[in-house]
Amino acid sequence: MVRTSRKRSSRARTPRARRARRARGGNPLARILGIFVLLALIGGAWIWWEARGWRLGVPLDEWEVRILNFETGAECQTDEHGEIVARGPNMLAGYHNAPEKTAEVIDAEGWFHTGDIGSIDANGQIMFHGRTKDMLKVGGENVAAAEIEAVLQSHPAVKLAQVTGLPHPRYVEIPAAFVELNEGAHTSEAELIAHCMGKLASFKLPRHVCFVTEWPMSASKIQKFRLRDMLVAELKKA
């Protein structure tokens, strides 16, 4: 199913309408979803502040957005997680002198495969859940690292959590978490795993929790592969 947006009436932007929105619960927040390499914005909406962390808006006019199953390529149902694909005006035609790279991201029907994990709710709102490159393969099941990270970060002691896949002879990968605590906070590996129980399926529970005070960084991102390599080296010594 292709979700497209409708043009909003200009009445929604009048002072009277803005006062009504504030009366219903506060000032809305403009949230924009943009894919840099598309050279265009594909989604956006006015949303309430409380929803800023997960709702990214509806597709803009003339843009089409789908969520595709990672394994089959079939279109996902409402609220089901999959890869965000999009097509529309001003989309790049391809990478310069790189037809193989172009073919990896733009299919024969012109859909750009973003590499982002997302879903679309019953109201047509796009939601972002992480990157496919951060997807773990646990016993044949796709597991988004971002889902585990979000649960860990809901613990009051946790400032930041990062999850990576640890090689496993039976399950291919198992989740391993790296956690930075808030200043002055205290918790344990057992407590954090217990915190995840009931919020995550059992195969998504982190099997290791490591506490860190510094993160291995590139220019702007945490290098998860270095976290994984450090844990693998420690486990080999044990």
C-alpha atoms as a PDB file:
ATOM      1  CA  MET A   1       0.000   0.000   0.000  1.00  0.00           C
ATOM      2  CA  VAL A   2       1.312   3.433  -0.953  1.00  0.00           C
ATOM      3  CA  ARG A   3       0.681   6.200   1.567  1.00  0.00           C
ATOM      4  CA  THR A   4       0.439   9.726   0.223  1.00  0.00           C
ATOM      5  CA  SER A   5      -0.387  12.954   1.960  1.00  0.00           C
ATOM      6  CA  ARG A   6      -3.215  15.386   1.425  1.00  0.00           C
ATOM      7  CA  LYS A   7      -2.787  19.108   1.223  1.00  0.00           C
ATOM      8  CA  ARG A   8      -3.708  20.799   4.455  1.00  0.00           C
ATOM      9  CA  SER A   9      -6.083  23.710   4.423  1.00  0.00           C
ATOM     10  CA  SER A  10      -4.614  27.189   4.864  1.00  0.00           C
ATOM     11  CA  ARG A  11      -7.024  27.557   7.784  1.00  0.00           C
ATOM     12  CA  ALA A  12      -4.729  25.280   9.787  1.00  0.00           C
ATOM     13  CA  ARG A  13      -2.115  28.036   9.784  1.00  0.00           C
ATOM     14  CA  THR A  14      -4.282  30.942  10.940  1.00  0.00           C
ATOM     15  CA  PRO A  15      -3.682  32.606  14.356  1.00  0.00           C
ATOM     16  CA  ARG A  16      -7.037  31.256  15.550  1.00  0.00           C
ATOM     17  CA  ALA A  17      -6.047  27.697  14.587  1.00  0.00           C
ATOM     18  CA  ARG A  18      -2.673  28.063  16.299  1.00  0.00           C
ATOM     19  CA  ARG A  19      -4.397  29.230  19.512  1.00  0.00           C
ATOM     20  CA  ALA A  20      -6.708  26.221  19.325  1.00  0.00           C
ATOM     21  CA  ARG A  21      -3.755  23.873  18.950  1.00  0.00           C
ATOM     22  CA  ARG A  22      -2.054  25.381  21.987  1.00  0.00           C
ATOM     23  CA  ALA A  23      -5.274  25.021  23.982  1.00  0.00           C
ATOM     24  CA  ARG A  24      -5.354  21.304  23.127  1.00  0.00           C
ATOM     25  CA  GLY A  25      -1.986  20.675  24.695  1.00  0.00           C
ATOM     26  CA  GLY A  26       0.816  22.994  23.725  1.00  0.00           C
ATOM     27  CA  ASN A  27       2.804  24.148  20.760  1.00  0.00           C
ATOM     28  CA  PRO A  28       3.302  21.671  17.928  1.00  0.00           C
ATOM     29  CA  LEU A  29       6.760  20.861  16.655  1.00  0.00           C
ATOM     30  CA  ALA A  30       7.687  20.833  12.983  1.00  0.00           C
ATOM     31  CA  ARG A  31       9.346  17.489  12.290  1.00  0.00           C
ATOM     32  CA  ILE A  32      10.976  16.781   8.945  1.00  0.00           C
ATOM     33  CA  LEU A  33      12.218  13.465   7.563  1.00  0.00           C
ATOM     34  CA  GLY A  34      14.853  14.002   4.914  1.00  0.00           C
ATOM     35  CA  ILE A  35      17.135  11.614   3.057  1.00  0.00           C
ATOM     36  CA  PHE A  36      20.251  13.548   2.033  1.00  0.00           C
ATOM     37  CA  VAL A  37      21.079  11.532  -1.075  1.00  0.00           C
ATOM     38  CA  LEU A  38      17.534  11.938  -2.404  1.00  0.00           C
ATOM     39  CA  LEU A  39      18.233  15.682  -2.666  1.00  0.00           C
ATOM     40  CA  ALA A  40      14.685  16.257  -1.487  1.00  0.00           C
ATOM     41  CA  LEU A  41      12.474  16.091   1.575  1.00  0.00           C
ATOM     42  CA  ILE A  42      10.145  13.131   1.520  1.00  0.00           C
ATOM     43  CA  GLY A  43       8.094  13.633   4.668  1.00  0.00           C
ATOM     44  CA  GLY A  44       7.069  16.105   7.290  1.00  0.00           C
ATOM     45  CA  ALA A  45       4.232  17.241   9.494  1.00  0.00           C
ATOM     46  CA  TRP A  46       3.224  19.324  12.457  1.00  0.00           C
ATOM     47  CA  ILE A  47       3.308  16.945  15.431  1.00  0.00           C
ATOM     48  CA  TRP A  48       2.928  17.361  19.170  1.00  0.00           C
ATOM     49  CA  TRP A  49       6.078  17.686  21.266  1.00  0.00           C
ATOM     50  CA  GLU A  50       5.390  14.437  23.143  1.00  0.00           C
ATOM     51  CA  ALA A  51       5.541  12.505  19.857  1.00  0.00           C
ATOM     52  CA  ARG A  52       8.770  14.046  18.591  1.00  0.00           C
ATOM     53  CA  GLY A  53      10.910  10.968  19.258  1.00  0.00           C
ATOM     54  CA  TRP A  54       9.164   8.517  16.959  1.00  0.00           C
ATOM     55  CA  ARG A  55       6.774  10.177  14.501  1.00  0.00           C
ATOM     56  CA  LEU A  56       8.312  11.739  11.409  1.00  0.00           C
ATOM     57  CA  GLY A  57       5.221  12.890   9.551  1.00  0.00           C
ATOM     58  CA  VAL A  58       3.357  11.805   6.432  1.00  0.00           C
ATOM     59  CA  PRO A  59       4.819  11.678   2.905  1.00  0.00           C
ATOM     60  CA  LEU A  60       4.812  15.008   1.133  1.00  0.00           C
ATOM     61  CA  ASP A  61       2.718  15.559  -1.989  1.00  0.00           C
ATOM     62  CA  GLU A  62       4.027  13.687  -5.058  1.00  0.00           C
ATOM     63  CA  TRP A  63       6.190  11.418  -2.879  1.00  0.00           C
ATOM     64  CA  GLU A  64       5.474   7.738  -2.337  1.00  0.00           C
ATOM     65  CA  VAL A  65       6.785   5.817   0.671  1.00  0.00           C
ATOM     66  CA  ARG A  66       6.572   2.102   1.353  1.00  0.00           C
ATOM     67  CA  ILE A  67       7.815  -0.202   4.111  1.00  0.00           C
ATOM     68  CA  LEU A  68       9.180  -3.489   2.754  1.00  0.00           C
ATOM     69  CA  ASN A  69       9.841  -6.773   4.543  1.00  0.00           C
ATOM     70  CA  PHE A  70      13.569  -7.365   4.961  1.00  0.00           C
ATOM     71  CA  GLU A  71      13.440 -10.996   3.802  1.00  0.00           C
ATOM     72  CA  THR A  72      10.694 -11.160   1.166  1.00  0.00           C
ATOM     73  CA  GLY A  73      10.537  -7.599  -0.174  1.00  0.00           C
ATOM     74  CA  ALA A  74       6.754  -7.680   0.266  1.00  0.00           C
ATOM     75  CA  GLU A  75       4.997  -4.594   1.565  1.00  0.00           C
ATOM     76  CA  CYS A  76       4.593  -4.535   5.335  1.00  0.00           C
ATOM     77  CA  GLN A  77       1.306  -4.195   7.153  1.00  0.00           C
ATOM     78  CA  THR A  78       0.408  -1.215   9.349  1.00  0.00           C
ATOM     79  CA  ASP A  79       2.905  -0.769  12.226  1.00  0.00           C
ATOM     80  CA  GLU A  80       5.105  -3.614  10.947  1.00  0.00           C
ATOM     81  CA  HIS A  81       8.821  -2.828  10.813  1.00  0.00           C
ATOM     82  CA  GLY A  82      10.703  -2.978   7.517  1.00  0.00           C
ATOM     83  CA  GLU A  83      12.961  -0.975   5.219  1.00  0.00           C
ATOM     84  CA  ILE A  84      11.814   2.497   4.182  1.00  0.00           C
ATOM     85  CA  VAL A  85      11.781   2.904   0.385  1.00  0.00           C
ATOM     86  CA  ALA A  86      10.702   6.052  -1.415  1.00  0.00           C
ATOM     87  CA  ARG A  87      10.351   7.624  -4.842  1.00  0.00           C
ATOM     88  CA  GLY A  88       9.336  11.046  -6.034  1.00  0.00           C
ATOM     89  CA  PRO A  89      10.418  14.264  -7.725  1.00  0.00           C
ATOM     90  CA  ASN A  90      13.998  15.558  -7.431  1.00  0.00           C
ATOM     91  CA  MET A  91      15.307  12.118  -6.522  1.00  0.00           C
ATOM     92  CA  LEU A  92      18.828  11.399  -7.670  1.00  0.00           C
ATOM     93  CA  ALA A  93      19.113   9.529 -10.960  1.00  0.00           C
ATOM     94  CA  GLY A  94      22.140   7.588  -9.745  1.00  0.00           C
ATOM     95  CA  TYR A  95      25.717   7.798  -8.533  1.00  0.00           C
ATOM     96  CA  HIS A  96      28.201   9.310 -10.982  1.00  0.00           C
ATOM     97  CA  ASN A  97      30.119   6.633 -12.895  1.00  0.00           C
ATOM     98  CA  ALA A  98      28.998   4.007 -10.377  1.00  0.00           C
ATOM     99  CA  PRO A  99      26.215   1.885 -11.933  1.00  0.00           C
ATOM    100  CA  GLU A 100      26.782  -0.984  -9.482  1.00  0.00           C
ATOM    101  CA  LYS A 101      26.332   1.303  -6.483  1.00  0.00           C
ATOM    102  CA  THR A 102      23.247   2.846  -8.099  1.00  0.00           C
ATOM    103  CA  ALA A 103      21.720  -0.599  -8.650  1.00  0.00           C
ATOM    104  CA  GLU A 104      22.230  -1.412  -4.973  1.00  0.00           C
ATOM    105  CA  VAL A 105      19.958   1.409  -3.828  1.00  0.00           C
ATOM    106  CA  ILE A 106      17.565   2.153  -6.738  1.00  0.00           C
ATOM    107  CA  ASP A 107      15.507  -0.759  -8.029  1.00  0.00           C
ATOM    108  CA  ALA A 108      14.030  -1.301 -11.497  1.00  0.00           C
ATOM    109  CA  GLU A 109      10.804   0.487 -10.524  1.00  0.00           C
ATOM    110  CA  GLY A 110      12.632   3.590  -9.315  1.00  0.00           C
ATOM    111  CA  TRP A 111      12.312   2.985  -5.571  1.00  0.00           C
ATOM    112  CA  PHE A 112      15.201   4.278  -3.480  1.00  0.00           C
ATOM    113  CA  HIS A 113      16.124   1.836  -0.697  1.00  0.00           C
ATOM    114  CA  THR A 114      17.144   4.061   2.204  1.00  0.00           C
ATOM    115  CA  GLY A 115      18.664   1.473   4.530  1.00  0.00           C
ATOM    116  CA  ASP A 116      16.440   2.884   7.297  1.00  0.00           C
ATOM    117  CA  ILE A 117      14.149   0.769   9.458  1.00  0.00           C
ATOM    118  CA  GLY A 118      10.677   2.244   9.708  1.00  0.00           C
ATOM    119  CA  SER A 119       6.952   1.644   9.918  1.00  0.00           C
ATOM    120  CA  ILE A 120       3.760   3.448   8.945  1.00  0.00           C
ATOM    121  CA  ASP A 121       0.907   3.711  11.416  1.00  0.00           C
ATOM    122  CA  ALA A 122      -2.836   3.719  10.794  1.00  0.00           C
ATOM    123  CA  ASN A 123      -2.762   7.495  10.229  1.00  0.00           C
ATOM    124  CA  GLY A 124      -0.055   7.285   7.561  1.00  0.00           C
ATOM    125  CA  GLN A 125       2.657   8.639   9.869  1.00  0.00           C
ATOM    126  CA  ILE A 126       6.182   7.426   9.103  1.00  0.00           C
ATOM    127  CA  MET A 127       8.200   6.266  12.107  1.00  0.00           C
ATOM    128  CA  PHE A 128      11.966   5.726  12.196  1.00  0.00           C
ATOM    129  CA  HIS A 129      13.385   2.776  14.154  1.00  0.00           C
ATOM    130  CA  GLY A 130      17.063   2.679  13.204  1.00  0.00           C
ATOM    131  CA  ARG A 131      19.404   1.617  10.405  1.00  0.00           C
ATOM    132  CA  THR A 132      19.426  -1.747   8.650  1.00  0.00           C
ATOM    133  CA  LYS A 133      23.208  -1.912   9.056  1.00  0.00           C
ATOM    134  CA  ASP A 134      22.529  -2.001  12.819  1.00  0.00           C
ATOM    135  CA  MET A 135      20.264  -5.012  12.383  1.00  0.00           C
ATOM    136  CA  LEU A 136      21.288  -8.136  14.286  1.00  0.00           C
ATOM    137  CA  LYS A 137      20.601 -11.679  13.098  1.00  0.00           C
ATOM    138  CA  VAL A 138      19.675 -13.661  16.216  1.00  0.00           C
ATOM    139  CA  GLY A 139      18.742 -17.283  15.589  1.00  0.00           C
ATOM    140  CA  GLY A 140      17.305 -16.412  12.185  1.00  0.00           C
ATOM    141  CA  GLU A 141      15.341 -13.411  13.487  1.00  0.00           C
ATOM    142  CA  ASN A 142      16.034  -9.806  12.507  1.00  0.00           C
ATOM    143  CA  VAL A 143      16.549  -7.646  15.588  1.00  0.00           C
ATOM    144  CA  ALA A 144      16.958  -3.866  15.445  1.00  0.00           C
ATOM    145  CA  ALA A 145      19.713  -2.650  17.751  1.00  0.00           C
ATOM    146  CA  ALA A 146      17.762   0.595  18.166  1.00  0.00           C
ATOM    147  CA  GLU A 147      14.850  -1.267  19.776  1.00  0.00           C
ATOM    148  CA  ILE A 148      17.083  -2.734  22.495  1.00  0.00           C
ATOM    149  CA  GLU A 149      18.905   0.575  22.958  1.00  0.00           C
ATOM    150  CA  ALA A 150      15.616   2.407  23.497  1.00  0.00           C
ATOM    151  CA  VAL A 151      14.557  -0.001  26.255  1.00  0.00           C
ATOM    152  CA  LEU A 152      17.923   0.227  28.006  1.00  0.00           C
ATOM    153  CA  GLN A 153      17.846   4.030  27.823  1.00  0.00           C
ATOM    154  CA  SER A 154      14.450   4.050  29.500  1.00  0.00           C
ATOM    155  CA  HIS A 155      16.219   2.972  32.718  1.00  0.00           C
ATOM    156  CA  PRO A 156      16.765   6.082  34.886  1.00  0.00           C
ATOM    157  CA  ALA A 157      20.455   5.284  35.453  1.00  0.00           C
ATOM    158  CA  VAL A 158      21.322   5.006  31.755  1.00  0.00           C
ATOM    159  CA  LYS A 159      22.611   8.000  29.831  1.00  0.00           C
ATOM    160  CA  LEU A 160      23.416   6.218  26.570  1.00  0.00           C
ATOM    161  CA  ALA A 161      23.242   2.626  25.331  1.00  0.00           C
ATOM    162  CA  GLN A 162      24.685   1.052  22.202  1.00  0.00           C
ATOM    163  CA  VAL A 163      23.982  -2.507  21.087  1.00  0.00           C
ATOM    164  CA  THR A 164      25.973  -4.653  18.705  1.00  0.00           C
ATOM    165  CA  GLY A 165      25.880  -8.266  17.600  1.00  0.00           C
ATOM    166  CA  LEU A 166      28.321 -10.655  19.208  1.00  0.00           C
ATOM    167  CA  PRO A 167      29.259 -13.744  17.147  1.00  0.00           C
ATOM    168  CA  HIS A 168      27.664 -16.943  18.454  1.00  0.00           C
ATOM    169  CA  PRO A 169      28.163 -20.514  17.174  1.00  0.00           C
ATOM    170  CA  ARG A 170      24.480 -21.471  17.467  1.00  0.00           C
ATOM    171  CA  TYR A 171      22.503 -18.242  17.044  1.00  0.00           C
ATOM    172  CA  VAL A 172      24.875 -16.484  14.582  1.00  0.00           C
ATOM    173  CA  GLU A 173      24.705 -13.353  16.763  1.00  0.00           C
ATOM    174  CA  ILE A 174      23.544 -12.439  20.247  1.00  0.00           C
ATOM    175  CA  PRO A 175      22.885  -8.892  21.520  1.00  0.00           C
ATOM    176  CA  ALA A 176      25.639  -7.254  23.553  1.00  0.00           C
ATOM    177  CA  ALA A 177      25.022  -3.867  25.174  1.00  0.00           C
ATOM    178  CA  PHE A 178      27.424  -1.089  26.072  1.00  0.00           C
ATOM    179  CA  VAL A 179      26.102   1.422  28.561  1.00  0.00           C
ATOM    180  CA  GLU A 180      27.187   4.830  29.853  1.00  0.00           C
ATOM    181  CA  LEU A 181      25.544   5.782  33.142  1.00  0.00           C
ATOM    182  CA  ASN A 182      24.314   9.168  34.227  1.00  0.00           C
ATOM    183  CA  GLU A 183      26.667  10.999  36.556  1.00  0.00           C
ATOM    184  CA  GLY A 184      26.373   9.573  40.068  1.00  0.00           C
ATOM    185  CA  ALA A 185      24.052   6.762  38.959  1.00  0.00           C
ATOM    186  CA  HIS A 186      24.571   3.107  39.837  1.00  0.00           C
ATOM    187  CA  THR A 187      23.142  -0.112  38.436  1.00  0.00           C
ATOM    188  CA  SER A 188      24.301  -3.601  37.474  1.00  0.00           C
ATOM    189  CA  GLU A 189      24.267  -5.911  34.480  1.00  0.00           C
ATOM    190  CA  ALA A 190      21.623  -8.097  36.126  1.00  0.00           C
ATOM    191  CA  GLU A 191      19.399  -5.110  36.911  1.00  0.00           C
ATOM    192  CA  LEU A 192      19.521  -3.810  33.332  1.00  0.00           C
ATOM    193  CA  ILE A 193      18.731  -7.210  31.863  1.00  0.00           C
ATOM    194  CA  ALA A 194      15.831  -7.543  34.310  1.00  0.00           C
ATOM    195  CA  HIS A 195      14.647  -4.089  33.214  1.00  0.00           C
ATOM    196  CA  CYS A 196      14.438  -5.373  29.620  1.00  0.00           C
ATOM    197  CA  MET A 197      12.418  -8.462  30.532  1.00  0.00           C
ATOM    198  CA  GLY A 198       8.774  -8.079  29.598  1.00  0.00           C
ATOM    199  CA  LYS A 199       9.634  -5.180  27.293  1.00  0.00           C
ATOM    200  CA  LEU A 200      11.583  -7.275  24.775  1.00  0.00           C
ATOM    201  CA  ALA A 201      11.190 -10.794  23.437  1.00  0.00           C
ATOM    202  CA  SER A 202      13.557 -13.230  25.148  1.00  0.00           C
ATOM    203  CA  PHE A 203      15.828 -13.590  22.102  1.00  0.00           C
ATOM    204  CA  LYS A 204      16.289  -9.801  22.035  1.00  0.00           C
ATOM    205  CA  LEU A 205      17.540  -9.569  25.619  1.00  0.00           C
ATOM    206  CA  PRO A 206      21.195  -8.479  25.875  1.00  0.00           C
ATOM    207  CA  ARG A 207      23.407 -11.401  26.899  1.00  0.00           C
ATOM    208  CA  HIS A 208      26.235  -9.111  27.965  1.00  0.00           C
ATOM    209  CA  VAL A 209      26.146  -5.589  29.425  1.00  0.00           C
ATOM    210  CA  CYS A 210      29.413  -3.654  29.553  1.00  0.00           C
ATOM    211  CA  PHE A 211      29.781  -0.296  31.286  1.00  0.00           C
ATOM    212  CA  VAL A 212      31.835   2.391  29.564  1.00  0.00           C
ATOM    213  CA  THR A 213      32.862   5.944  30.362  1.00  0.00           C
ATOM    214  CA  GLU A 214      34.295   6.760  26.934  1.00  0.00           C
ATOM    215  CA  TRP A 215      33.172   5.761  23.456  1.00  0.00           C
ATOM    216  CA  PRO A 216      35.374   4.867  20.472  1.00  0.00           C
ATOM    217  CA  MET A 217      34.513   7.553  17.939  1.00  0.00           C
ATOM    218  CA  SER A 218      35.008   8.349  14.289  1.00  0.00           C
ATOM    219  CA  ALA A 219      34.629  12.004  13.346  1.00  0.00           C
ATOM    220  CA  SER A 220      30.996  12.008  14.480  1.00  0.00           C
ATOM    221  CA  LYS A 221      29.772   8.477  15.218  1.00  0.00           C
ATOM    222  CA  ILE A 222      30.335   5.760  17.775  1.00  0.00           C
ATOM    223  CA  GLN A 223      32.319   2.906  16.214  1.00  0.00           C
ATOM    224  CA  LYS A 224      30.288  -0.139  17.188  1.00  0.00           C
ATOM    225  CA  PHE A 225      32.686  -2.539  15.521  1.00  0.00           C
ATOM    226  CA  ARG A 226      35.399  -1.477  17.967  1.00  0.00           C
ATOM    227  CA  LEU A 227      33.064  -2.091  20.901  1.00  0.00           C
ATOM    228  CA  ARG A 228      32.329  -5.566  19.555  1.00  0.00           C
ATOM    229  CA  ASP A 229      36.006  -6.328  18.956  1.00  0.00           C
ATOM    230  CA  MET A 230      36.949  -5.222  22.473  1.00  0.00           C
ATOM    231  CA  LEU A 231      34.302  -7.477  24.038  1.00  0.00           C
ATOM    232  CA  VAL A 232      35.291 -10.437  21.853  1.00  0.00           C
ATOM    233  CA  ALA A 233      38.920  -9.997  22.947  1.00  0.00           C
ATOM    234  CA  GLU A 234      37.905  -9.827  26.638  1.00  0.00           C
ATOM    235  CA  LEU A 235      35.772 -12.965  26.386  1.00  0.00           C
ATOM    236  CA  LYS A 236      38.611 -14.866  24.737  1.00  0.00           C
ATOM    237  CA  LYS A 237      40.862 -14.010  27.702  1.00  0.00           C
ATOM    238  CA  ALA A 238      38.277 -15.194  30.227  1.00  0.00           C
END
